[in-house]
């Protein structure tokens, strides 16, 4: 584990495993104190299996396709995260670079540096043209 990314992945993986273990532990703990432990759980599992068998192969194949598509999207997201991070850093750096190297006049910069533009005085020859 050499980078922050490795550390976060390992911590999140451990948290995920702990969450699954706590859920399984809760189910086991909850079932132990029933008068007939695991009887209702096994009945529900049998009902779920019979429901899946009734749906047929075409529906089950669609469920498997959806699960694989979800996994593919998750992997695409994981692969895209570093690229999106680099893009965000590049955008920030470009904004910083352009703000530092921008050459031009702005009222705020002029005020703080003491270079205010001279105000135009109204001309006394309004409405007349120069004859040249």
C-alpha atoms as a PDB file:
ATOM      1  CA  UNK A   1       0.000   0.000   0.000  1.00  0.00           C
ATOM      2  CA  UNK A   2       1.927   2.983  -1.310  1.00  0.00           C
ATOM      3  CA  UNK A   3      -0.690   5.531  -2.385  1.00  0.00           C
ATOM      4  CA  UNK A   4      -3.781   7.127  -0.933  1.00  0.00           C
ATOM      5  CA  UNK A   5      -5.836   5.393  -3.632  1.00  0.00           C
ATOM      6  CA  UNK A   6      -4.549   1.968  -2.473  1.00  0.00           C
ATOM      7  CA  UNK A   7      -5.310   2.845   1.140  1.00  0.00           C
ATOM      8  CA  UNK A   8      -8.858   4.013   0.370  1.00  0.00           C
ATOM      9  CA  UNK A   9      -9.544   0.913  -1.752  1.00  0.00           C
ATOM     10  CA  UNK A  10      -8.330  -1.383   1.013  1.00  0.00           C
ATOM     11  CA  UNK A  11     -10.319   0.445   3.697  1.00  0.00           C
ATOM     12  CA  UNK A  12     -13.477   0.433   1.575  1.00  0.00           C
ATOM     13  CA  UNK A  13     -13.002  -3.267   0.828  1.00  0.00           C
ATOM     14  CA  UNK A  14     -12.643  -4.048   4.529  1.00  0.00           C
ATOM     15  CA  UNK A  15     -15.727  -1.938   5.324  1.00  0.00           C
ATOM     16  CA  UNK A  16     -17.706  -3.798   2.667  1.00  0.00           C
ATOM     17  CA  UNK A  17     -16.672  -7.188   4.040  1.00  0.00           C
ATOM     18  CA  UNK A  18     -17.486  -6.090   7.595  1.00  0.00           C
ATOM     19  CA  UNK A  19     -20.925  -4.890   6.487  1.00  0.00           C
ATOM     20  CA  UNK A  20     -21.664  -8.242   4.817  1.00  0.00           C
ATOM     21  CA  UNK A  21     -20.421 -10.141   7.891  1.00  0.00           C
ATOM     22  CA  UNK A  22     -22.540  -8.020  10.241  1.00  0.00           C
ATOM     23  CA  UNK A  23     -25.644  -8.601   8.119  1.00  0.00           C
ATOM     24  CA  UNK A  24     -25.005 -12.356   8.039  1.00  0.00           C
ATOM     25  CA  UNK A  25     -24.277 -12.322  11.777  1.00  0.00           C
ATOM     26  CA  UNK A  26     -27.515 -10.476  12.481  1.00  0.00           C
ATOM     27  CA  UNK A  27     -29.526 -12.989  10.459  1.00  0.00           C
ATOM     28  CA  UNK A  28     -27.899 -15.917  12.279  1.00  0.00           C
ATOM     29  CA  UNK A  29     -28.292 -14.242  15.689  1.00  0.00           C
ATOM     30  CA  UNK A  30     -31.943 -13.404  14.925  1.00  0.00           C
ATOM     31  CA  UNK A  31     -32.709 -16.959  13.773  1.00  0.00           C
ATOM     32  CA  UNK A  32     -31.079 -18.661  16.761  1.00  0.00           C
ATOM     33  CA  UNK A  33     -33.617 -17.222  19.211  1.00  0.00           C
ATOM     34  CA  UNK A  34     -36.682 -18.412  17.306  1.00  0.00           C
ATOM     35  CA  UNK A  35     -38.573 -21.504  18.475  1.00  0.00           C
ATOM     36  CA  UNK A  36     -37.702 -23.322  15.231  1.00  0.00           C
ATOM     37  CA  UNK A  37     -34.382 -21.827  14.112  1.00  0.00           C
ATOM     38  CA  UNK A  38     -33.845 -21.438  10.366  1.00  0.00           C
ATOM     39  CA  UNK A  39     -37.213 -23.055   9.510  1.00  0.00           C
ATOM     40  CA  UNK A  40     -38.756 -19.822   8.204  1.00  0.00           C
ATOM     41  CA  UNK A  41     -35.535 -18.825   6.466  1.00  0.00           C
ATOM     42  CA  UNK A  42     -35.305 -22.154   4.624  1.00  0.00           C
ATOM     43  CA  UNK A  43     -38.990 -21.870   3.634  1.00  0.00           C
ATOM     44  CA  UNK A  44     -38.385 -18.378   2.168  1.00  0.00           C
ATOM     45  CA  UNK A  45     -35.308 -19.601   0.298  1.00  0.00           C
ATOM     46  CA  UNK A  46     -37.312 -22.487  -1.198  1.00  0.00           C
ATOM     47  CA  UNK A  47     -40.041 -20.037  -2.293  1.00  0.00           C
ATOM     48  CA  UNK A  48     -37.455 -17.825  -3.972  1.00  0.00           C
ATOM     49  CA  UNK A  49     -35.879 -20.781  -5.787  1.00  0.00           C
ATOM     50  CA  UNK A  50     -39.276 -21.973  -7.044  1.00  0.00           C
ATOM     51  CA  UNK A  51     -40.115 -18.439  -8.219  1.00  0.00           C
ATOM     52  CA  UNK A  52     -36.872 -18.273 -10.197  1.00  0.00           C
ATOM     53  CA  UNK A  53     -37.608 -21.669 -11.764  1.00  0.00           C
ATOM     54  CA  UNK A  54     -41.120 -20.523 -12.763  1.00  0.00           C
ATOM     55  CA  UNK A  55     -39.807 -17.414 -14.524  1.00  0.00           C
ATOM     56  CA  UNK A  56     -38.014 -19.426 -17.163  1.00  0.00           C
ATOM     57  CA  UNK A  57     -34.672 -19.184 -18.869  1.00  0.00           C
ATOM     58  CA  UNK A  58     -35.378 -16.058 -20.893  1.00  0.00           C
ATOM     59  CA  UNK A  59     -36.189 -13.949 -17.831  1.00  0.00           C
ATOM     60  CA  UNK A  60     -33.240 -15.358 -15.887  1.00  0.00           C
ATOM     61  CA  UNK A  61     -30.949 -14.665 -18.842  1.00  0.00           C
ATOM     62  CA  UNK A  62     -32.149 -11.029 -18.879  1.00  0.00           C
ATOM     63  CA  UNK A  63     -31.421 -10.734 -15.140  1.00  0.00           C
ATOM     64  CA  UNK A  64     -27.906 -12.104 -15.691  1.00  0.00           C
ATOM     65  CA  UNK A  65     -27.372  -9.654 -18.589  1.00  0.00           C
ATOM     66  CA  UNK A  66     -28.486  -6.758 -16.392  1.00  0.00           C
ATOM     67  CA  UNK A  67     -26.149  -7.861 -13.601  1.00  0.00           C
ATOM     68  CA  UNK A  68     -23.204  -8.123 -15.994  1.00  0.00           C
ATOM     69  CA  UNK A  69     -24.024  -4.749 -17.534  1.00  0.00           C
ATOM     70  CA  UNK A  70     -24.104  -3.202 -14.069  1.00  0.00           C
ATOM     71  CA  UNK A  71     -20.723  -4.729 -13.322  1.00  0.00           C
ATOM     72  CA  UNK A  72     -19.331  -3.391 -16.589  1.00  0.00           C
ATOM     73  CA  UNK A  73     -20.595   0.102 -15.788  1.00  0.00           C
ATOM     74  CA  UNK A  74     -19.063  -0.113 -12.322  1.00  0.00           C
ATOM     75  CA  UNK A  75     -15.691  -1.104 -13.790  1.00  0.00           C
ATOM     76  CA  UNK A  76     -15.947   1.715 -16.349  1.00  0.00           C
ATOM     77  CA  UNK A  77     -16.603   4.135 -13.481  1.00  0.00           C
ATOM     78  CA  UNK A  78     -13.603   2.846 -11.523  1.00  0.00           C
ATOM     79  CA  UNK A  79     -11.374   3.172 -14.593  1.00  0.00           C
ATOM     80  CA  UNK A  80     -12.719   6.665 -15.363  1.00  0.00           C
ATOM     81  CA  UNK A  81     -12.172   8.060 -11.847  1.00  0.00           C
ATOM     82  CA  UNK A  82      -8.423   8.707 -12.198  1.00  0.00           C
ATOM     83  CA  UNK A  83      -8.969  10.224 -15.636  1.00  0.00           C
ATOM     84  CA  UNK A  84     -11.706  12.503 -14.334  1.00  0.00           C
ATOM     85  CA  UNK A  85      -9.482  13.487 -11.421  1.00  0.00           C
ATOM     86  CA  UNK A  86      -6.656  14.402 -13.795  1.00  0.00           C
ATOM     87  CA  UNK A  87      -9.091  16.382 -15.959  1.00  0.00           C
ATOM     88  CA  UNK A  88     -10.295  18.323 -12.919  1.00  0.00           C
ATOM     89  CA  UNK A  89      -6.729  19.102 -11.845  1.00  0.00           C
ATOM     90  CA  UNK A  90      -5.853  20.191 -15.411  1.00  0.00           C
ATOM     91  CA  UNK A  91      -8.841  22.541 -15.545  1.00  0.00           C
ATOM     92  CA  UNK A  92      -7.917  24.078 -12.186  1.00  0.00           C
ATOM     93  CA  UNK A  93      -4.287  24.496 -13.206  1.00  0.00           C
ATOM     94  CA  UNK A  94      -5.267  26.082 -16.517  1.00  0.00           C
ATOM     95  CA  UNK A  95      -7.517  28.570 -14.724  1.00  0.00           C
ATOM     96  CA  UNK A  96      -4.717  29.369 -12.312  1.00  0.00           C
ATOM     97  CA  UNK A  97      -2.228  29.734 -15.156  1.00  0.00           C
ATOM     98  CA  UNK A  98      -4.500  32.012 -17.176  1.00  0.00           C
ATOM     99  CA  UNK A  99      -5.306  34.167 -14.159  1.00  0.00           C
ATOM    100  CA  UNK A 100      -1.607  34.632 -13.404  1.00  0.00           C
ATOM    101  CA  UNK A 101      -0.500  35.244 -16.995  1.00  0.00           C
ATOM    102  CA  UNK A 102      -3.486  37.288 -18.156  1.00  0.00           C
ATOM    103  CA  UNK A 103      -2.393  40.668 -19.455  1.00  0.00           C
ATOM    104  CA  UNK A 104      -5.139  43.182 -19.670  1.00  0.00           C
ATOM    105  CA  UNK A 105      -6.926  45.896 -17.833  1.00  0.00           C
ATOM    106  CA  UNK A 106      -9.502  45.266 -15.169  1.00  0.00           C
ATOM    107  CA  UNK A 107     -11.007  47.759 -12.751  1.00  0.00           C
ATOM    108  CA  UNK A 108     -10.018  45.784  -9.662  1.00  0.00           C
ATOM    109  CA  UNK A 109      -6.389  45.414 -10.722  1.00  0.00           C
ATOM    110  CA  UNK A 110      -6.237  49.061 -11.710  1.00  0.00           C
ATOM    111  CA  UNK A 111      -7.659  50.164  -8.374  1.00  0.00           C
ATOM    112  CA  UNK A 112      -5.277  48.089  -6.285  1.00  0.00           C
ATOM    113  CA  UNK A 113      -2.205  48.935  -8.367  1.00  0.00           C
ATOM    114  CA  UNK A 114      -3.058  52.625  -8.592  1.00  0.00           C
ATOM    115  CA  UNK A 115      -3.409  52.695 -12.387  1.00  0.00           C
ATOM    116  CA  UNK A 116      -6.882  54.084 -12.816  1.00  0.00           C
ATOM    117  CA  UNK A 117      -7.933  55.210 -16.250  1.00  0.00           C
ATOM    118  CA  UNK A 118      -8.406  58.885 -16.637  1.00  0.00           C
ATOM    119  CA  UNK A 119     -11.990  59.929 -16.856  1.00  0.00           C
ATOM    120  CA  UNK A 120     -13.005  61.505 -20.136  1.00  0.00           C
ATOM    121  CA  UNK A 121     -13.859  65.127 -19.715  1.00  0.00           C
ATOM    122  CA  UNK A 122     -16.846  66.378 -21.647  1.00  0.00           C
ATOM    123  CA  UNK A 123     -15.733  68.224 -24.758  1.00  0.00           C
ATOM    124  CA  UNK A 124     -16.693  71.839 -25.142  1.00  0.00           C
ATOM    125  CA  UNK A 125     -17.359  71.480 -28.865  1.00  0.00           C
ATOM    126  CA  UNK A 126     -20.383  69.245 -28.619  1.00  0.00           C
ATOM    127  CA  UNK A 127     -22.323  68.986 -31.804  1.00  0.00           C
ATOM    128  CA  UNK A 128     -19.712  70.629 -34.060  1.00  0.00           C
ATOM    129  CA  UNK A 129     -17.311  68.925 -36.377  1.00  0.00           C
ATOM    130  CA  UNK A 130     -13.685  69.741 -36.917  1.00  0.00           C
ATOM    131  CA  UNK A 131     -12.966  71.314 -40.311  1.00  0.00           C
ATOM    132  CA  UNK A 132      -9.813  69.780 -41.586  1.00  0.00           C
END
